[in-house]
Amino acid sequence: MARRTGLREQKKQATRKALREAALRLALERGPDNVRVDDIAEAAGVSPRTYNNYFASREQAIVAAVTAERESRVAEAVAARPPSVRLADAVIDAIVEQYTDPGEEHAAALLMITTRPALREAFVHAPASMELPLAAAIASRLATRRRAGETADTAGASAAAGAPAADGALAAAGASARDGGAAPVQDGAREGGGAGESEGRAGGRGHDADAVRGADADRNGDAVRGADADRDGDAARDDTARVLAAAVAAAVRVAIDRWVGRPGAASASGLVVPSGSLPDLLRAALAPLVPALDAAER
C-alpha cells in the first residue's frame, strides 16, 4: 500500500512538472498571451481536465516553472544550517539566497514574468507555497534546540545531585572509622530477639511490597504525564512553526510586490519592470519577524 501511494505521488509530481515546463516553453516561444490551457495540456500529453487538477490558470503554471523548486530549496537551506546558527539568520539567509539567484536558465522567464501584469500577479503570490515545507524545517530546528536544552539541563542536575551524595558517603565512612565499627551483639539479645526479628521481617516485606507497588504507580503516572506534556509541547511547537512560516511567506510576498510593482517603475512601453534591490527589500520585510523567530528558540 505504501509503495502504491509512493508511486502515485511520483506520477502526480511528474505530471505537474510536465505541465509547468510545457507552459513556460510555449509562453517563451509564442508569448504568454498566445498560449491556451488546451495547448499546454496537449503539449504535456494530458487532458484539459487533468490540467485543471494541477493549476488554476495558465499564469500559475508558467510561474510555477520558475518558482516550484525554489520553495522547497528554501526549506532545505534552513534545515541544512548548523544548529548553532540563529533561526532568524538561517531563515533570512536562505530566503535571500534562493530568491535572488534564479539561475541562467530562468533569466528570460523571469524577465517575461515580471513585465506582464497577469504573470506578475501570480509571481507575487507564489511564496505561499513555501509555508508547509518551511514550517517543517522550522519545527525540526526548534525540536533540535529543545533536545539540546534538555540534555544540558539533565547533565547539570546530575552533576549538582552527585556532589552532596559523594560528600554524604565520605562523611558516613569517616564516622564509621571513628567509632571503630559496629558494637558486638550480646548472645542473649540475639536469642531473645529472634522471634521478634522474624515477625518484623515478615511485616517489613509487606511494607516493602506496598512501597514497590506505590513506586511503580508513581512511575507510571509520571510516564503518562510526561508523554502528555511531550505531545502538548510538540503540538505547540508545530503551531508556532506554521505561524512563523506563514509570516515569512507573507513578508516575502510584500517584498516581491514592492520589487515588481512599486510606483515609478513603468518603462516607456508601459510595462512595469523590477526596480530596487530585491535582497534589501527582502531583508527589510523580514526584519520585523526577527524578535518572533528569536523568541521561538527560547
C-alpha atoms as a PDB file:
ATOM      1  CA  MET A   1       0.000   0.000   0.000  1.00  0.00           C
ATOM      2  CA  ALA A   2       2.792   2.393   0.918  1.00  0.00           C
ATOM      3  CA  ARG A   3       4.573   1.532  -2.320  1.00  0.00           C
ATOM      4  CA  ARG A   4       1.439   2.234  -4.398  1.00  0.00           C
ATOM      5  CA  THR A   5       0.980   5.561  -2.612  1.00  0.00           C
ATOM      6  CA  GLY A   6       4.588   6.479  -3.310  1.00  0.00           C
ATOM      7  CA  LEU A   7       4.293   5.620  -6.993  1.00  0.00           C
ATOM      8  CA  ARG A   8       1.043   7.553  -7.286  1.00  0.00           C
ATOM      9  CA  GLU A   9       2.629  10.625  -5.743  1.00  0.00           C
ATOM     10  CA  GLN A  10       5.624  10.326  -8.070  1.00  0.00           C
ATOM     11  CA  LYS A  11       3.288  10.180 -11.067  1.00  0.00           C
ATOM     12  CA  LYS A  12       1.460  13.298  -9.884  1.00  0.00           C
ATOM     13  CA  GLN A  13       4.729  15.150  -9.425  1.00  0.00           C
ATOM     14  CA  ALA A  14       5.846  14.103 -12.902  1.00  0.00           C
ATOM     15  CA  THR A  15       2.581  15.344 -14.414  1.00  0.00           C
ATOM     16  CA  ARG A  16       2.830  18.656 -12.569  1.00  0.00           C
ATOM     17  CA  LYS A  17       6.397  19.110 -13.798  1.00  0.00           C
ATOM     18  CA  ALA A  18       5.468  18.274 -17.403  1.00  0.00           C
ATOM     19  CA  LEU A  19       2.641  20.820 -17.326  1.00  0.00           C
ATOM     20  CA  ARG A  20       4.670  23.692 -15.921  1.00  0.00           C
ATOM     21  CA  GLU A  21       7.594  23.041 -18.258  1.00  0.00           C
ATOM     22  CA  ALA A  22       5.255  22.904 -21.268  1.00  0.00           C
ATOM     23  CA  ALA A  23       3.571  26.131 -20.147  1.00  0.00           C
ATOM     24  CA  LEU A  24       6.858  28.003 -19.859  1.00  0.00           C
ATOM     25  CA  ARG A  25       8.218  26.659 -23.137  1.00  0.00           C
ATOM     26  CA  LEU A  26       5.117  27.676 -25.084  1.00  0.00           C
ATOM     27  CA  ALA A  27       4.986  31.079 -23.384  1.00  0.00           C
ATOM     28  CA  LEU A  28       8.588  31.824 -24.352  1.00  0.00           C
ATOM     29  CA  GLU A  29       8.022  30.604 -27.916  1.00  0.00           C
ATOM     30  CA  ARG A  30       4.667  32.276 -28.624  1.00  0.00           C
ATOM     31  CA  GLY A  31       4.295  34.887 -25.924  1.00  0.00           C
ATOM     32  CA  PRO A  32       2.106  34.218 -22.875  1.00  0.00           C
ATOM     33  CA  ASP A  33      -0.983  35.866 -24.380  1.00  0.00           C
ATOM     34  CA  ASN A  34      -0.932  33.380 -27.258  1.00  0.00           C
ATOM     35  CA  VAL A  35      -0.942  30.252 -25.081  1.00  0.00           C
ATOM     36  CA  ARG A  36      -4.163  28.476 -24.108  1.00  0.00           C
ATOM     37  CA  VAL A  37      -4.734  25.889 -21.411  1.00  0.00           C
ATOM     38  CA  ASP A  38      -5.616  23.376 -24.139  1.00  0.00           C
ATOM     39  CA  ASP A  39      -2.227  23.999 -25.776  1.00  0.00           C
ATOM     40  CA  ILE A  40      -0.386  23.334 -22.513  1.00  0.00           C
ATOM     41  CA  ALA A  41      -2.370  20.159 -21.810  1.00  0.00           C
ATOM     42  CA  GLU A  42      -1.742  18.822 -25.314  1.00  0.00           C
ATOM     43  CA  ALA A  43       1.995  19.556 -25.111  1.00  0.00           C
ATOM     44  CA  ALA A  44       2.166  17.695 -21.776  1.00  0.00           C
ATOM     45  CA  GLY A  45       0.118  14.761 -23.056  1.00  0.00           C
ATOM     46  CA  VAL A  46      -2.843  15.169 -20.705  1.00  0.00           C
ATOM     47  CA  SER A  47      -6.429  16.384 -20.954  1.00  0.00           C
ATOM     48  CA  PRO A  48      -7.506  19.959 -20.108  1.00  0.00           C
ATOM     49  CA  ARG A  49      -9.475  18.489 -17.224  1.00  0.00           C
ATOM     50  CA  THR A  50      -6.309  16.944 -15.814  1.00  0.00           C
ATOM     51  CA  TYR A  51      -4.579  20.297 -16.231  1.00  0.00           C
ATOM     52  CA  ASN A  52      -7.235  21.952 -14.062  1.00  0.00           C
ATOM     53  CA  ASN A  53      -6.479  19.469 -11.278  1.00  0.00           C
ATOM     54  CA  TYR A  54      -3.000  20.949 -11.006  1.00  0.00           C
ATOM     55  CA  PHE A  55      -3.200  24.623 -11.954  1.00  0.00           C
ATOM     56  CA  ALA A  56      -5.965  27.203 -11.799  1.00  0.00           C
ATOM     57  CA  SER A  57      -4.677  29.256 -14.731  1.00  0.00           C
ATOM     58  CA  ARG A  58      -2.022  29.360 -17.424  1.00  0.00           C
ATOM     59  CA  GLU A  59      -0.233  32.122 -15.469  1.00  0.00           C
ATOM     60  CA  GLN A  60       0.057  29.902 -12.425  1.00  0.00           C
ATOM     61  CA  ALA A  61       1.604  27.115 -14.489  1.00  0.00           C
ATOM     62  CA  ILE A  62       4.085  29.452 -16.219  1.00  0.00           C
ATOM     63  CA  VAL A  63       5.207  30.980 -12.919  1.00  0.00           C
ATOM     64  CA  ALA A  64       5.462  27.548 -11.276  1.00  0.00           C
ATOM     65  CA  ALA A  65       8.122  26.579 -13.818  1.00  0.00           C
ATOM     66  CA  VAL A  66      10.384  29.199 -12.215  1.00  0.00           C
ATOM     67  CA  THR A  67       9.275  29.042  -8.570  1.00  0.00           C
ATOM     68  CA  ALA A  68       8.289  25.389  -7.988  1.00  0.00           C
ATOM     69  CA  GLU A  69      11.682  24.179  -6.802  1.00  0.00           C
ATOM     70  CA  ARG A  70      12.615  27.391  -5.035  1.00  0.00           C
ATOM     71  CA  GLU A  71      10.219  26.996  -2.123  1.00  0.00           C
ATOM     72  CA  SER A  72      11.496  23.502  -1.305  1.00  0.00           C
ATOM     73  CA  ARG A  73      15.090  24.734  -1.636  1.00  0.00           C
ATOM     74  CA  VAL A  74      14.389  27.444   0.941  1.00  0.00           C
ATOM     75  CA  ALA A  75      13.231  24.806   3.439  1.00  0.00           C
ATOM     76  CA  GLU A  76      16.221  22.583   2.635  1.00  0.00           C
ATOM     77  CA  ALA A  77      18.604  25.503   3.130  1.00  0.00           C
ATOM     78  CA  VAL A  78      17.066  26.339   6.525  1.00  0.00           C
ATOM     79  CA  ALA A  79      17.303  22.702   7.638  1.00  0.00           C
ATOM     80  CA  ALA A  80      20.917  22.468   6.450  1.00  0.00           C
ATOM     81  CA  ARG A  81      22.162  25.381   8.576  1.00  0.00           C
ATOM     82  CA  PRO A  82      24.096  24.206  11.686  1.00  0.00           C
ATOM     83  CA  PRO A  83      22.035  24.146  14.914  1.00  0.00           C
ATOM     84  CA  SER A  84      24.322  26.834  16.330  1.00  0.00           C
ATOM     85  CA  VAL A  85      23.078  29.316  13.706  1.00  0.00           C
ATOM     86  CA  ARG A  86      20.270  31.532  14.964  1.00  0.00           C
ATOM     87  CA  LEU A  87      16.897  30.636  13.444  1.00  0.00           C
ATOM     88  CA  ALA A  88      16.322  34.194  12.202  1.00  0.00           C
ATOM     89  CA  ASP A  89      19.672  34.197  10.401  1.00  0.00           C
ATOM     90  CA  ALA A  90      19.041  30.754   8.895  1.00  0.00           C
ATOM     91  CA  VAL A  91      15.634  31.773   7.520  1.00  0.00           C
ATOM     92  CA  ILE A  92      16.607  35.200   6.194  1.00  0.00           C
ATOM     93  CA  ASP A  93      19.849  33.992   4.583  1.00  0.00           C
ATOM     94  CA  ALA A  94      18.022  31.097   2.899  1.00  0.00           C
ATOM     95  CA  ILE A  95      15.288  33.396   1.560  1.00  0.00           C
ATOM     96  CA  VAL A  96      17.712  35.958   0.163  1.00  0.00           C
ATOM     97  CA  GLU A  97      19.927  33.275  -1.359  1.00  0.00           C
ATOM     98  CA  GLN A  98      17.134  31.413  -3.133  1.00  0.00           C
ATOM     99  CA  TYR A  99      15.076  34.422  -4.237  1.00  0.00           C
ATOM    100  CA  THR A 100      17.944  36.415  -5.718  1.00  0.00           C
ATOM    101  CA  ASP A 101      19.628  33.651  -7.724  1.00  0.00           C
ATOM    102  CA  PRO A 102      17.123  32.346 -10.283  1.00  0.00           C
ATOM    103  CA  GLY A 103      19.835  30.768 -12.419  1.00  0.00           C
ATOM    104  CA  GLU A 104      20.756  31.399 -16.025  1.00  0.00           C
ATOM    105  CA  GLU A 105      18.100  29.045 -17.393  1.00  0.00           C
ATOM    106  CA  HIS A 106      15.343  31.159 -15.828  1.00  0.00           C
ATOM    107  CA  ALA A 107      16.666  34.634 -16.673  1.00  0.00           C
ATOM    108  CA  ALA A 108      14.493  35.053 -19.796  1.00  0.00           C
ATOM    109  CA  ALA A 109      11.482  33.564 -17.998  1.00  0.00           C
ATOM    110  CA  LEU A 110      11.876  35.910 -15.040  1.00  0.00           C
ATOM    111  CA  LEU A 111      12.055  38.904 -17.364  1.00  0.00           C
ATOM    112  CA  MET A 112       8.849  37.782 -19.091  1.00  0.00           C
ATOM    113  CA  ILE A 113       7.083  37.160 -15.778  1.00  0.00           C
ATOM    114  CA  THR A 114       7.995  40.471 -14.166  1.00  0.00           C
ATOM    115  CA  THR A 115       6.984  42.518 -17.201  1.00  0.00           C
ATOM    116  CA  ARG A 116       3.484  41.056 -17.698  1.00  0.00           C
ATOM    117  CA  PRO A 117       0.795  42.142 -15.205  1.00  0.00           C
ATOM    118  CA  ALA A 118      -1.051  38.800 -15.048  1.00  0.00           C
ATOM    119  CA  LEU A 119       2.158  36.801 -14.681  1.00  0.00           C
ATOM    120  CA  ARG A 120       3.495  39.294 -12.180  1.00  0.00           C
ATOM    121  CA  GLU A 121       0.387  38.856 -10.028  1.00  0.00           C
ATOM    122  CA  ALA A 122       0.863  35.073  -9.958  1.00  0.00           C
ATOM    123  CA  PHE A 123       4.556  35.550  -9.212  1.00  0.00           C
ATOM    124  CA  VAL A 124       3.814  37.798  -6.226  1.00  0.00           C
ATOM    125  CA  HIS A 125       1.539  35.157  -4.676  1.00  0.00           C
ATOM    126  CA  ALA A 126       3.852  32.194  -5.356  1.00  0.00           C
ATOM    127  CA  PRO A 127       5.643  32.388  -1.937  1.00  0.00           C
ATOM    128  CA  ALA A 128       2.514  30.992  -0.261  1.00  0.00           C
ATOM    129  CA  SER A 129       3.588  27.531  -1.431  1.00  0.00           C
ATOM    130  CA  MET A 130       6.660  27.662   0.804  1.00  0.00           C
ATOM    131  CA  GLU A 131       4.638  27.652   4.026  1.00  0.00           C
ATOM    132  CA  LEU A 132       4.341  23.889   4.615  1.00  0.00           C
ATOM    133  CA  PRO A 133       7.931  22.860   3.791  1.00  0.00           C
ATOM    134  CA  LEU A 134       9.321  25.871   5.669  1.00  0.00           C
ATOM    135  CA  ALA A 135       7.133  25.110   8.702  1.00  0.00           C
ATOM    136  CA  ALA A 136       8.517  21.563   8.775  1.00  0.00           C
ATOM    137  CA  ALA A 137      12.095  22.869   8.630  1.00  0.00           C
ATOM    138  CA  ILE A 138      11.465  25.387  11.417  1.00  0.00           C
ATOM    139  CA  ALA A 139       9.755  22.775  13.607  1.00  0.00           C
ATOM    140  CA  SER A 140      12.719  20.441  13.152  1.00  0.00           C
ATOM    141  CA  ARG A 141      15.182  23.142  14.225  1.00  0.00           C
ATOM    142  CA  LEU A 142      13.059  24.026  17.266  1.00  0.00           C
ATOM    143  CA  ALA A 143      12.901  20.345  18.263  1.00  0.00           C
ATOM    144  CA  THR A 144      16.684  20.040  17.953  1.00  0.00           C
ATOM    145  CA  ARG A 145      17.174  23.139  20.091  1.00  0.00           C
ATOM    146  CA  ARG A 146      14.763  21.800  22.716  1.00  0.00           C
ATOM    147  CA  ARG A 147      16.531  18.433  22.918  1.00  0.00           C
ATOM    148  CA  ALA A 148      19.889  20.160  23.300  1.00  0.00           C
ATOM    149  CA  GLY A 149      18.490  22.287  26.134  1.00  0.00           C
ATOM    150  CA  GLU A 150      17.015  19.266  27.924  1.00  0.00           C
ATOM    151  CA  THR A 151      20.310  17.382  27.640  1.00  0.00           C
ATOM    152  CA  ALA A 152      22.190  20.316  29.149  1.00  0.00           C
ATOM    153  CA  ASP A 153      19.661  20.639  31.987  1.00  0.00           C
ATOM    154  CA  THR A 154      19.869  16.908  32.770  1.00  0.00           C
ATOM    155  CA  ALA A 155      23.658  16.965  32.821  1.00  0.00           C
ATOM    156  CA  GLY A 156      23.672  19.969  35.138  1.00  0.00           C
ATOM    157  CA  ALA A 157      21.144  18.408  37.524  1.00  0.00           C
ATOM    158  CA  SER A 158      23.100  15.143  37.671  1.00  0.00           C
ATOM    159  CA  ALA A 159      26.310  16.965  38.485  1.00  0.00           C
ATOM    160  CA  ALA A 160      24.597  19.014  41.195  1.00  0.00           C
ATOM    161  CA  ALA A 161      22.975  15.934  42.765  1.00  0.00           C
ATOM    162  CA  GLY A 162      26.170  13.905  42.666  1.00  0.00           C
ATOM    163  CA  ALA A 163      28.213  16.322  44.776  1.00  0.00           C
ATOM    164  CA  PRO A 164      26.098  16.134  48.001  1.00  0.00           C
ATOM    165  CA  ALA A 165      25.788  12.335  47.671  1.00  0.00           C
ATOM    166  CA  ALA A 166      29.540  11.956  47.460  1.00  0.00           C
ATOM    167  CA  ASP A 167      30.014  14.258  50.452  1.00  0.00           C
ATOM    168  CA  GLY A 168      27.490  12.206  52.463  1.00  0.00           C
ATOM    169  CA  ALA A 169      29.218   8.916  51.657  1.00  0.00           C
ATOM    170  CA  LEU A 170      32.563  10.307  52.750  1.00  0.00           C
ATOM    171  CA  ALA A 171      31.073  11.610  55.993  1.00  0.00           C
ATOM    172  CA  ALA A 172      29.463   8.216  56.778  1.00  0.00           C
ATOM    173  CA  ALA A 173      32.724   6.407  56.102  1.00  0.00           C
ATOM    174  CA  GLY A 174      34.563   8.803  58.416  1.00  0.00           C
ATOM    175  CA  ALA A 175      32.043   8.303  61.230  1.00  0.00           C
ATOM    176  CA  SER A 176      32.293   4.525  60.956  1.00  0.00           C
ATOM    177  CA  ALA A 177      36.055   4.675  61.136  1.00  0.00           C
ATOM    178  CA  ARG A 178      35.931   6.878  64.232  1.00  0.00           C
ATOM    179  CA  ASP A 179      33.505   4.530  66.034  1.00  0.00           C
ATOM    180  CA  GLY A 180      35.701   1.526  65.355  1.00  0.00           C
ATOM    181  CA  GLY A 181      32.939  -0.441  63.610  1.00  0.00           C
ATOM    182  CA  ALA A 182      29.610  -1.761  64.819  1.00  0.00           C
ATOM    183  CA  ALA A 183      29.206  -2.728  68.511  1.00  0.00           C
ATOM    184  CA  PRO A 184      29.124  -6.506  69.195  1.00  0.00           C
ATOM    185  CA  VAL A 185      25.683  -8.000  69.778  1.00  0.00           C
ATOM    186  CA  GLN A 186      25.215  -9.976  73.037  1.00  0.00           C
ATOM    187  CA  ASP A 187      24.195 -13.646  72.776  1.00  0.00           C
ATOM    188  CA  GLY A 188      21.128 -13.119  74.947  1.00  0.00           C
ATOM    189  CA  ALA A 189      19.912 -10.268  72.873  1.00  0.00           C
ATOM    190  CA  ARG A 190      20.272 -12.392  69.750  1.00  0.00           C
ATOM    191  CA  GLU A 191      18.321 -15.323  71.227  1.00  0.00           C
ATOM    192  CA  GLY A 192      15.585 -13.204  72.826  1.00  0.00           C
ATOM    193  CA  GLY A 193      15.066 -11.109  69.755  1.00  0.00           C
ATOM    194  CA  GLY A 194      14.964 -13.946  67.189  1.00  0.00           C
ATOM    195  CA  ALA A 195      11.184 -14.339  67.091  1.00  0.00           C
ATOM    196  CA  GLY A 196      10.608 -10.601  67.085  1.00  0.00           C
ATOM    197  CA  GLU A 197      13.055 -10.159  64.273  1.00  0.00           C
ATOM    198  CA  SER A 198      11.279 -12.842  62.201  1.00  0.00           C
ATOM    199  CA  GLU A 199       7.924 -11.164  62.690  1.00  0.00           C
ATOM    200  CA  GLY A 200       9.498  -7.815  61.929  1.00  0.00           C
ATOM    201  CA  ARG A 201      10.985  -9.128  58.696  1.00  0.00           C
ATOM    202  CA  ALA A 202       7.592 -10.518  57.597  1.00  0.00           C
ATOM    203  CA  GLY A 203       5.915  -7.207  58.294  1.00  0.00           C
ATOM    204  CA  GLY A 204       8.753  -5.387  56.609  1.00  0.00           C
ATOM    205  CA  ARG A 205       8.327  -7.461  53.450  1.00  0.00           C
ATOM    206  CA  GLY A 206       4.656  -6.466  53.311  1.00  0.00           C
ATOM    207  CA  HIS A 207       5.539  -2.831  53.701  1.00  0.00           C
ATOM    208  CA  ASP A 208       8.259  -3.217  51.056  1.00  0.00           C
ATOM    209  CA  ALA A 209       5.769  -4.742  48.589  1.00  0.00           C
ATOM    210  CA  ASP A 210       3.381  -1.844  49.182  1.00  0.00           C
ATOM    211  CA  ALA A 211       6.234   0.586  48.674  1.00  0.00           C
ATOM    212  CA  VAL A 212       7.215  -1.096  45.391  1.00  0.00           C
ATOM    213  CA  ARG A 213       3.641  -1.003  44.117  1.00  0.00           C
ATOM    214  CA  GLY A 214       3.358   2.633  45.099  1.00  0.00           C
ATOM    215  CA  ALA A 215       6.641   3.459  43.395  1.00  0.00           C
ATOM    216  CA  ASP A 216       5.510   1.652  40.227  1.00  0.00           C
ATOM    217  CA  ALA A 217       2.242   3.570  40.227  1.00  0.00           C
ATOM    218  CA  ASP A 218       4.126   6.848  40.673  1.00  0.00           C
ATOM    219  CA  ARG A 219       6.466   5.989  37.810  1.00  0.00           C
ATOM    220  CA  ASN A 220       3.569   5.031  35.550  1.00  0.00           C
ATOM    221  CA  GLY A 221       1.747   8.237  36.401  1.00  0.00           C
ATOM    222  CA  ASP A 222       4.884  10.268  35.769  1.00  0.00           C
ATOM    223  CA  ALA A 223       5.359   8.495  32.420  1.00  0.00           C
ATOM    224  CA  VAL A 224       1.778   9.246  31.335  1.00  0.00           C
ATOM    225  CA  ARG A 225       2.037  12.860  32.430  1.00  0.00           C
ATOM    226  CA  GLY A 226       5.389  13.153  30.692  1.00  0.00           C
ATOM    227  CA  ALA A 227       4.001  11.702  27.451  1.00  0.00           C
ATOM    228  CA  ASP A 228       1.043  14.089  27.591  1.00  0.00           C
ATOM    229  CA  ALA A 229       3.384  17.015  28.194  1.00  0.00           C
ATOM    230  CA  ASP A 230       5.564  15.935  25.258  1.00  0.00           C
ATOM    231  CA  ARG A 231       2.542  15.730  22.944  1.00  0.00           C
ATOM    232  CA  ASP A 232       1.336  19.143  24.050  1.00  0.00           C
ATOM    233  CA  GLY A 233       4.823  20.533  23.583  1.00  0.00           C
ATOM    234  CA  ASP A 234       5.111  19.029  20.089  1.00  0.00           C
ATOM    235  CA  ALA A 235       1.718  20.446  19.085  1.00  0.00           C
ATOM    236  CA  ALA A 236       2.641  23.901  20.375  1.00  0.00           C
ATOM    237  CA  ARG A 237       5.972  23.746  18.538  1.00  0.00           C
ATOM    238  CA  ASP A 238       4.306  22.732  15.286  1.00  0.00           C
ATOM    239  CA  ASP A 239       1.732  25.521  15.610  1.00  0.00           C
ATOM    240  CA  THR A 240       4.491  28.037  16.267  1.00  0.00           C
ATOM    241  CA  ALA A 241       6.412  26.821  13.216  1.00  0.00           C
ATOM    242  CA  ARG A 242       3.334  27.133  10.988  1.00  0.00           C
ATOM    243  CA  VAL A 243       2.619  30.673  12.186  1.00  0.00           C
ATOM    244  CA  LEU A 244       6.231  31.710  11.638  1.00  0.00           C
ATOM    245  CA  ALA A 245       6.347  30.118   8.168  1.00  0.00           C
ATOM    246  CA  ALA A 246       3.121  31.883   7.154  1.00  0.00           C
ATOM    247  CA  ALA A 247       4.511  35.198   8.385  1.00  0.00           C
ATOM    248  CA  VAL A 248       7.753  34.652   6.455  1.00  0.00           C
ATOM    249  CA  ALA A 249       5.825  33.857   3.265  1.00  0.00           C
ATOM    250  CA  ALA A 250       3.729  36.994   3.719  1.00  0.00           C
ATOM    251  CA  ALA A 251       6.845  39.130   4.222  1.00  0.00           C
ATOM    252  CA  VAL A 252       8.426  37.700   1.069  1.00  0.00           C
ATOM    253  CA  ARG A 253       5.226  38.440  -0.840  1.00  0.00           C
ATOM    254  CA  VAL A 254       5.334  42.069   0.334  1.00  0.00           C
ATOM    255  CA  ALA A 255       8.973  42.419  -0.753  1.00  0.00           C
ATOM    256  CA  ILE A 256       8.342  40.935  -4.200  1.00  0.00           C
ATOM    257  CA  ASP A 257       5.249  43.070  -4.657  1.00  0.00           C
ATOM    258  CA  ARG A 258       7.282  46.196  -3.950  1.00  0.00           C
ATOM    259  CA  TRP A 259      10.054  44.977  -6.226  1.00  0.00           C
ATOM    260  CA  VAL A 260       7.892  44.363  -9.302  1.00  0.00           C
ATOM    261  CA  GLY A 261       5.164  46.910  -8.765  1.00  0.00           C
ATOM    262  CA  ARG A 262       6.468  49.952  -6.952  1.00  0.00           C
ATOM    263  CA  PRO A 263       5.335  53.342  -8.288  1.00  0.00           C
ATOM    264  CA  GLY A 264       7.518  54.903 -10.928  1.00  0.00           C
ATOM    265  CA  ALA A 265       8.737  51.556 -12.265  1.00  0.00           C
ATOM    266  CA  ALA A 266       6.856  51.763 -15.593  1.00  0.00           C
ATOM    267  CA  SER A 267       9.014  51.746 -18.694  1.00  0.00           C
ATOM    268  CA  ALA A 268       8.480  53.826 -21.839  1.00  0.00           C
ATOM    269  CA  SER A 269       6.472  50.954 -23.353  1.00  0.00           C
ATOM    270  CA  GLY A 270       4.066  50.948 -20.420  1.00  0.00           C
ATOM    271  CA  LEU A 271       5.398  47.684 -18.939  1.00  0.00           C
ATOM    272  CA  VAL A 272       6.251  47.565 -15.244  1.00  0.00           C
ATOM    273  CA  VAL A 273       9.827  46.461 -14.646  1.00  0.00           C
ATOM    274  CA  PRO A 274      11.506  45.495 -11.357  1.00  0.00           C
ATOM    275  CA  SER A 275      13.333  48.232  -9.505  1.00  0.00           C
ATOM    276  CA  GLY A 276      15.330  48.473  -6.318  1.00  0.00           C
ATOM    277  CA  SER A 277      17.461  45.839  -4.635  1.00  0.00           C
ATOM    278  CA  LEU A 278      15.483  42.654  -4.039  1.00  0.00           C
ATOM    279  CA  PRO A 279      17.898  41.418  -1.310  1.00  0.00           C
ATOM    280  CA  ASP A 280      17.471  44.720   0.564  1.00  0.00           C
ATOM    281  CA  LEU A 281      13.692  44.606   0.156  1.00  0.00           C
ATOM    282  CA  LEU A 282      13.589  41.017   1.423  1.00  0.00           C
ATOM    283  CA  ARG A 283      15.725  41.779   4.467  1.00  0.00           C
ATOM    284  CA  ALA A 284      13.654  44.866   5.278  1.00  0.00           C
ATOM    285  CA  ALA A 285      10.379  42.942   5.003  1.00  0.00           C
ATOM    286  CA  LEU A 286      11.674  40.075   7.159  1.00  0.00           C
ATOM    287  CA  ALA A 287      13.295  42.299   9.834  1.00  0.00           C
ATOM    288  CA  PRO A 288      10.083  42.718  11.916  1.00  0.00           C
ATOM    289  CA  LEU A 289       9.886  38.928  12.277  1.00  0.00           C
ATOM    290  CA  VAL A 290      13.323  38.570  13.902  1.00  0.00           C
ATOM    291  CA  PRO A 291      12.041  39.014  17.513  1.00  0.00           C
ATOM    292  CA  ALA A 292       9.408  36.321  16.971  1.00  0.00           C
ATOM    293  CA  LEU A 293      11.939  33.930  15.439  1.00  0.00           C
ATOM    294  CA  ASP A 294      14.319  34.561  18.342  1.00  0.00           C
ATOM    295  CA  ALA A 295      11.541  34.064  20.913  1.00  0.00           C
ATOM    296  CA  ALA A 296      10.596  30.708  19.396  1.00  0.00           C
ATOM    297  CA  GLU A 297      14.062  29.378  20.196  1.00  0.00           C
ATOM    298  CA  ARG A 298      13.970  30.365  23.850  1.00  0.00           C
END
